[in-house]
């Protein structure tokens, strides 16, 4: 995988229980890893062909191969969060991982 294709700095967050100053337990998104990736929104035509709802923004992200990315994480790009719907690793050559994303509600 060529480095020139990885032009977006993305951060992976995981929900973790933390205690606030008053001792209350809260769920908070905590940064797990930051890496470079190739982020793309799904085109309007692809949305129509896949019979998806037009109001839900879909996207894809390709990063270098790694095994610690799971669907319970979210991806953050430029302050916007995306839910991970699927993690699709390249098991044959172990060069990349494709992620199917949707805008977090």
N, C-alpha and C. Protein backbone atom coordinates (compact mmCIF):
# COMPACT_ATOMS: atom_id res chain seq x y z
N UNK A 1 0.84 -1.17 0.00
CA UNK A 1 0.00 0.00 0.00
C UNK A 1 0.88 1.24 0.00
N UNK A 2 0.64 2.13 -0.95
CA UNK A 2 1.46 3.32 -1.09
C UNK A 2 1.05 4.40 -0.09
N UNK A 3 2.03 5.04 0.50
CA UNK A 3 1.77 6.05 1.53
C UNK A 3 1.00 7.24 0.97
N UNK A 4 1.16 7.55 -0.31
CA UNK A 4 0.47 8.68 -0.92
C UNK A 4 -1.04 8.54 -0.90
N UNK A 5 -1.54 7.33 -0.86
CA UNK A 5 -2.98 7.11 -0.83
C UNK A 5 -3.56 7.37 0.55
N UNK A 6 -2.75 7.32 1.57
CA UNK A 6 -3.20 7.50 2.95
C UNK A 6 -3.06 8.97 3.34
N UNK A 7 -4.06 9.77 2.99
CA UNK A 7 -3.94 11.21 3.15
C UNK A 7 -4.83 11.80 4.25
N UNK A 8 -5.56 10.96 4.96
CA UNK A 8 -6.44 11.44 6.03
C UNK A 8 -5.97 10.91 7.37
N UNK A 9 -5.80 11.81 8.33
CA UNK A 9 -5.40 11.42 9.69
C UNK A 9 -6.68 11.08 10.46
N UNK A 10 -6.83 9.83 10.86
CA UNK A 10 -8.04 9.38 11.55
C UNK A 10 -7.68 8.86 12.94
N UNK A 11 -8.65 8.97 13.83
CA UNK A 11 -8.47 8.54 15.21
C UNK A 11 -9.54 7.50 15.54
N UNK A 12 -9.15 6.43 16.20
CA UNK A 12 -10.08 5.39 16.63
C UNK A 12 -10.35 5.57 18.12
N UNK A 13 -11.64 5.58 18.48
CA UNK A 13 -12.06 5.79 19.86
C UNK A 13 -12.83 4.58 20.35
N UNK A 14 -12.70 4.28 21.64
CA UNK A 14 -13.43 3.19 22.27
C UNK A 14 -14.13 3.74 23.51
N UNK A 15 -15.37 3.30 23.73
CA UNK A 15 -16.13 3.74 24.90
C UNK A 15 -15.55 3.06 26.14
N UNK A 16 -15.22 3.87 27.14
CA UNK A 16 -14.61 3.38 28.37
C UNK A 16 -15.31 4.02 29.56
N UNK A 17 -15.44 3.26 30.64
CA UNK A 17 -16.03 3.80 31.87
C UNK A 17 -14.95 4.53 32.66
N UNK A 18 -15.27 5.78 33.02
CA UNK A 18 -14.35 6.60 33.81
C UNK A 18 -15.13 7.22 34.96
N UNK A 19 -14.42 7.65 35.99
CA UNK A 19 -15.05 8.33 37.13
C UNK A 19 -14.77 9.81 37.03
N UNK A 20 -15.81 10.62 37.27
CA UNK A 20 -15.62 12.06 37.26
C UNK A 20 -15.16 12.53 38.64
N UNK A 21 -15.04 13.83 38.83
CA UNK A 21 -14.54 14.40 40.08
C UNK A 21 -15.45 14.06 41.27
N UNK A 22 -16.74 13.85 41.00
CA UNK A 22 -17.69 13.54 42.08
C UNK A 22 -17.77 12.04 42.36
N UNK A 23 -17.01 11.24 41.62
CA UNK A 23 -17.02 9.80 41.82
C UNK A 23 -18.07 9.05 41.02
N UNK A 24 -18.81 9.77 40.16
CA UNK A 24 -19.82 9.15 39.32
C UNK A 24 -19.15 8.42 38.15
N UNK A 25 -19.68 7.25 37.80
CA UNK A 25 -19.15 6.50 36.66
C UNK A 25 -19.83 6.96 35.38
N UNK A 26 -19.03 7.33 34.39
CA UNK A 26 -19.53 7.83 33.11
C UNK A 26 -18.92 7.03 31.97
N UNK A 27 -19.66 6.93 30.85
CA UNK A 27 -19.10 6.36 29.63
C UNK A 27 -18.50 7.50 28.82
N UNK A 28 -17.25 7.33 28.40
CA UNK A 28 -16.55 8.38 27.67
C UNK A 28 -15.78 7.75 26.52
N UNK A 29 -15.73 8.45 25.36
CA UNK A 29 -14.94 7.97 24.23
C UNK A 29 -13.48 8.33 24.48
N UNK A 30 -12.61 7.32 24.45
CA UNK A 30 -11.18 7.49 24.70
C UNK A 30 -10.40 7.09 23.46
N UNK A 31 -9.41 7.88 23.11
CA UNK A 31 -8.59 7.60 21.93
C UNK A 31 -7.77 6.33 22.14
N UNK A 32 -7.83 5.44 21.15
CA UNK A 32 -7.09 4.19 21.21
C UNK A 32 -5.86 4.25 20.30
N UNK A 33 -6.07 4.73 19.07
CA UNK A 33 -4.97 4.80 18.11
C UNK A 33 -5.28 5.88 17.08
N UNK A 34 -4.24 6.51 16.58
CA UNK A 34 -4.35 7.49 15.50
C UNK A 34 -3.46 6.99 14.36
N UNK A 35 -4.01 7.01 13.14
CA UNK A 35 -3.26 6.49 12.00
C UNK A 35 -3.68 7.22 10.73
N UNK A 36 -3.01 6.95 9.63
CA UNK A 36 -3.34 7.52 8.33
C UNK A 36 -4.24 6.55 7.57
N UNK A 37 -5.17 7.11 6.80
CA UNK A 37 -6.06 6.26 6.02
C UNK A 37 -6.56 6.97 4.78
N UNK A 38 -7.25 6.21 3.93
CA UNK A 38 -7.87 6.72 2.71
C UNK A 38 -9.38 6.72 2.94
N UNK A 39 -9.95 7.90 3.22
CA UNK A 39 -11.36 8.04 3.57
C UNK A 39 -12.14 8.48 2.34
N UNK A 40 -13.29 7.83 2.11
CA UNK A 40 -14.14 8.20 0.97
C UNK A 40 -15.60 8.07 1.35
N UNK A 41 -16.38 9.10 0.99
CA UNK A 41 -17.83 9.00 1.11
C UNK A 41 -18.33 8.17 -0.05
N UNK A 42 -19.40 7.41 0.19
CA UNK A 42 -20.02 6.64 -0.87
C UNK A 42 -20.74 7.62 -1.79
N UNK A 43 -20.61 7.42 -3.08
CA UNK A 43 -21.26 8.33 -4.03
C UNK A 43 -22.77 8.20 -3.97
N UNK A 44 -23.47 9.18 -4.48
CA UNK A 44 -24.92 9.13 -4.51
C UNK A 44 -25.43 7.96 -5.33
N UNK A 45 -24.77 7.68 -6.45
CA UNK A 45 -25.18 6.56 -7.29
C UNK A 45 -25.00 5.24 -6.57
N UNK A 46 -23.89 5.09 -5.84
CA UNK A 46 -23.66 3.85 -5.09
C UNK A 46 -24.72 3.68 -4.01
N UNK A 47 -25.17 4.78 -3.43
CA UNK A 47 -26.22 4.71 -2.41
C UNK A 47 -27.53 4.23 -3.01
N UNK A 48 -27.87 4.73 -4.20
CA UNK A 48 -29.09 4.32 -4.87
C UNK A 48 -29.02 2.85 -5.27
N UNK A 49 -27.90 2.43 -5.83
CA UNK A 49 -27.74 1.03 -6.27
C UNK A 49 -27.79 0.07 -5.10
N UNK A 50 -27.25 0.47 -3.94
CA UNK A 50 -27.24 -0.43 -2.80
C UNK A 50 -28.56 -0.41 -2.04
N UNK A 51 -29.53 0.38 -2.52
CA UNK A 51 -30.86 0.47 -1.93
C UNK A 51 -30.80 0.96 -0.48
N UNK A 52 -29.83 1.82 -0.18
CA UNK A 52 -29.69 2.37 1.17
C UNK A 52 -30.52 3.63 1.29
N UNK A 53 -30.86 3.99 2.51
CA UNK A 53 -31.58 5.24 2.74
C UNK A 53 -30.66 6.41 2.42
N UNK A 54 -31.17 7.35 1.66
CA UNK A 54 -30.35 8.48 1.22
C UNK A 54 -29.96 9.39 2.39
N UNK A 55 -30.71 9.38 3.48
CA UNK A 55 -30.44 10.27 4.59
C UNK A 55 -29.29 9.78 5.47
N UNK A 56 -28.83 8.56 5.26
CA UNK A 56 -27.73 8.01 6.04
C UNK A 56 -26.45 8.12 5.22
N UNK A 57 -25.50 8.89 5.71
CA UNK A 57 -24.23 9.05 4.99
C UNK A 57 -23.34 7.85 5.24
N UNK A 58 -22.96 7.19 4.17
CA UNK A 58 -22.07 6.02 4.25
C UNK A 58 -20.69 6.42 3.77
N UNK A 59 -19.68 5.74 4.27
CA UNK A 59 -18.31 6.03 3.87
C UNK A 59 -17.47 4.76 3.98
N UNK A 60 -16.28 4.82 3.43
CA UNK A 60 -15.34 3.71 3.58
C UNK A 60 -13.98 4.29 3.98
N UNK A 61 -13.20 3.47 4.64
CA UNK A 61 -11.87 3.87 5.09
C UNK A 61 -10.94 2.69 4.90
N UNK A 62 -9.80 2.94 4.26
CA UNK A 62 -8.76 1.92 4.12
C UNK A 62 -7.54 2.37 4.91
N UNK A 63 -7.06 1.49 5.79
CA UNK A 63 -5.87 1.75 6.59
C UNK A 63 -4.89 0.60 6.38
N UNK A 64 -3.67 0.78 6.85
CA UNK A 64 -2.70 -0.32 6.79
C UNK A 64 -3.19 -1.47 7.67
N UNK A 65 -2.76 -2.67 7.35
CA UNK A 65 -3.21 -3.88 8.04
C UNK A 65 -2.88 -3.81 9.53
N UNK A 66 -3.90 -4.09 10.33
CA UNK A 66 -3.73 -4.22 11.77
C UNK A 66 -4.88 -5.07 12.29
N UNK A 67 -4.71 -5.64 13.46
CA UNK A 67 -5.71 -6.58 13.99
C UNK A 67 -6.46 -6.04 15.21
N UNK A 68 -6.16 -4.82 15.63
CA UNK A 68 -6.78 -4.30 16.86
C UNK A 68 -7.99 -3.40 16.63
N UNK A 69 -8.49 -3.32 15.40
CA UNK A 69 -9.66 -2.50 15.10
C UNK A 69 -10.91 -3.39 15.17
N UNK A 70 -11.92 -2.95 15.95
CA UNK A 70 -13.14 -3.75 16.14
C UNK A 70 -14.38 -2.87 15.90
N UNK A 71 -15.52 -3.50 15.61
CA UNK A 71 -16.74 -2.74 15.34
C UNK A 71 -17.29 -1.95 16.53
N UNK A 72 -16.82 -2.21 17.74
CA UNK A 72 -17.31 -1.43 18.89
C UNK A 72 -16.61 -0.08 19.02
N UNK A 73 -15.68 0.22 18.13
CA UNK A 73 -14.99 1.51 18.12
C UNK A 73 -15.72 2.48 17.19
N UNK A 74 -15.34 3.75 17.27
CA UNK A 74 -15.78 4.74 16.29
C UNK A 74 -14.55 5.38 15.68
N UNK A 75 -14.72 5.90 14.47
CA UNK A 75 -13.65 6.60 13.77
C UNK A 75 -13.96 8.08 13.85
N UNK A 76 -12.95 8.88 14.15
CA UNK A 76 -13.13 10.33 14.19
C UNK A 76 -12.22 10.96 13.14
N UNK A 77 -12.84 11.77 12.28
CA UNK A 77 -12.10 12.47 11.23
C UNK A 77 -12.56 13.92 11.24
N UNK A 78 -11.65 14.83 11.46
CA UNK A 78 -11.96 16.27 11.50
C UNK A 78 -13.11 16.58 12.44
N UNK A 79 -13.15 15.92 13.59
CA UNK A 79 -14.16 16.19 14.59
C UNK A 79 -15.48 15.46 14.40
N UNK A 80 -15.67 14.77 13.27
CA UNK A 80 -16.90 14.04 13.01
C UNK A 80 -16.69 12.56 13.33
N UNK A 81 -17.68 11.96 14.00
CA UNK A 81 -17.58 10.55 14.39
C UNK A 81 -18.36 9.67 13.42
N UNK A 82 -17.80 8.47 13.14
CA UNK A 82 -18.41 7.49 12.27
C UNK A 82 -18.45 6.15 12.98
N UNK A 83 -19.61 5.49 12.96
CA UNK A 83 -19.73 4.13 13.49
C UNK A 83 -19.11 3.15 12.51
N UNK A 84 -18.44 2.13 13.02
CA UNK A 84 -17.87 1.08 12.18
C UNK A 84 -18.92 -0.02 12.02
N UNK A 85 -19.37 -0.24 10.78
CA UNK A 85 -20.35 -1.28 10.51
C UNK A 85 -19.69 -2.62 10.19
N UNK A 86 -18.51 -2.58 9.57
CA UNK A 86 -17.82 -3.83 9.22
C UNK A 86 -16.32 -3.58 9.14
N UNK A 87 -15.56 -4.58 9.57
CA UNK A 87 -14.09 -4.57 9.48
C UNK A 87 -13.72 -5.68 8.51
N UNK A 88 -13.09 -5.31 7.37
CA UNK A 88 -12.80 -6.27 6.31
C UNK A 88 -11.28 -6.32 6.05
N UNK A 89 -10.57 -7.18 6.77
CA UNK A 89 -9.11 -7.25 6.59
C UNK A 89 -8.72 -8.02 5.33
N UNK A 90 -7.60 -7.63 4.75
CA UNK A 90 -7.00 -8.33 3.61
C UNK A 90 -6.19 -9.49 4.18
N UNK A 91 -6.83 -10.61 4.41
CA UNK A 91 -6.17 -11.74 5.06
C UNK A 91 -5.12 -12.41 4.17
N UNK A 92 -5.27 -12.31 2.87
CA UNK A 92 -4.34 -12.98 1.96
C UNK A 92 -2.96 -12.33 1.98
N UNK A 93 -2.92 -11.01 1.80
CA UNK A 93 -1.62 -10.33 1.71
C UNK A 93 -1.28 -9.50 2.94
N UNK A 94 -2.26 -9.28 3.80
CA UNK A 94 -2.06 -8.50 5.03
C UNK A 94 -1.47 -7.12 4.76
N UNK A 95 -2.05 -6.45 3.76
CA UNK A 95 -1.58 -5.11 3.41
C UNK A 95 -2.50 -4.01 3.93
N UNK A 96 -3.80 -4.28 4.02
CA UNK A 96 -4.74 -3.23 4.39
C UNK A 96 -5.95 -3.81 5.13
N UNK A 97 -6.74 -2.89 5.71
CA UNK A 97 -8.03 -3.22 6.31
C UNK A 97 -9.02 -2.20 5.76
N UNK A 98 -10.13 -2.67 5.21
CA UNK A 98 -11.21 -1.80 4.76
C UNK A 98 -12.27 -1.74 5.83
N UNK A 99 -12.79 -0.54 6.09
CA UNK A 99 -13.84 -0.35 7.08
C UNK A 99 -15.07 0.25 6.39
N UNK A 100 -16.23 -0.29 6.71
CA UNK A 100 -17.49 0.27 6.24
C UNK A 100 -18.02 1.14 7.38
N UNK A 101 -18.30 2.41 7.08
CA UNK A 101 -18.67 3.39 8.10
C UNK A 101 -20.01 4.05 7.80
N UNK A 102 -20.65 4.56 8.84
CA UNK A 102 -21.81 5.45 8.68
C UNK A 102 -21.67 6.54 9.72
N UNK A 103 -22.25 7.69 9.41
CA UNK A 103 -22.17 8.83 10.31
C UNK A 103 -22.83 8.47 11.64
N UNK A 104 -22.13 8.70 12.74
CA UNK A 104 -22.66 8.39 14.07
C UNK A 104 -23.80 9.33 14.40
N UNK A 105 -24.83 8.80 15.02
CA UNK A 105 -26.01 9.60 15.39
C UNK A 105 -25.79 10.29 16.72
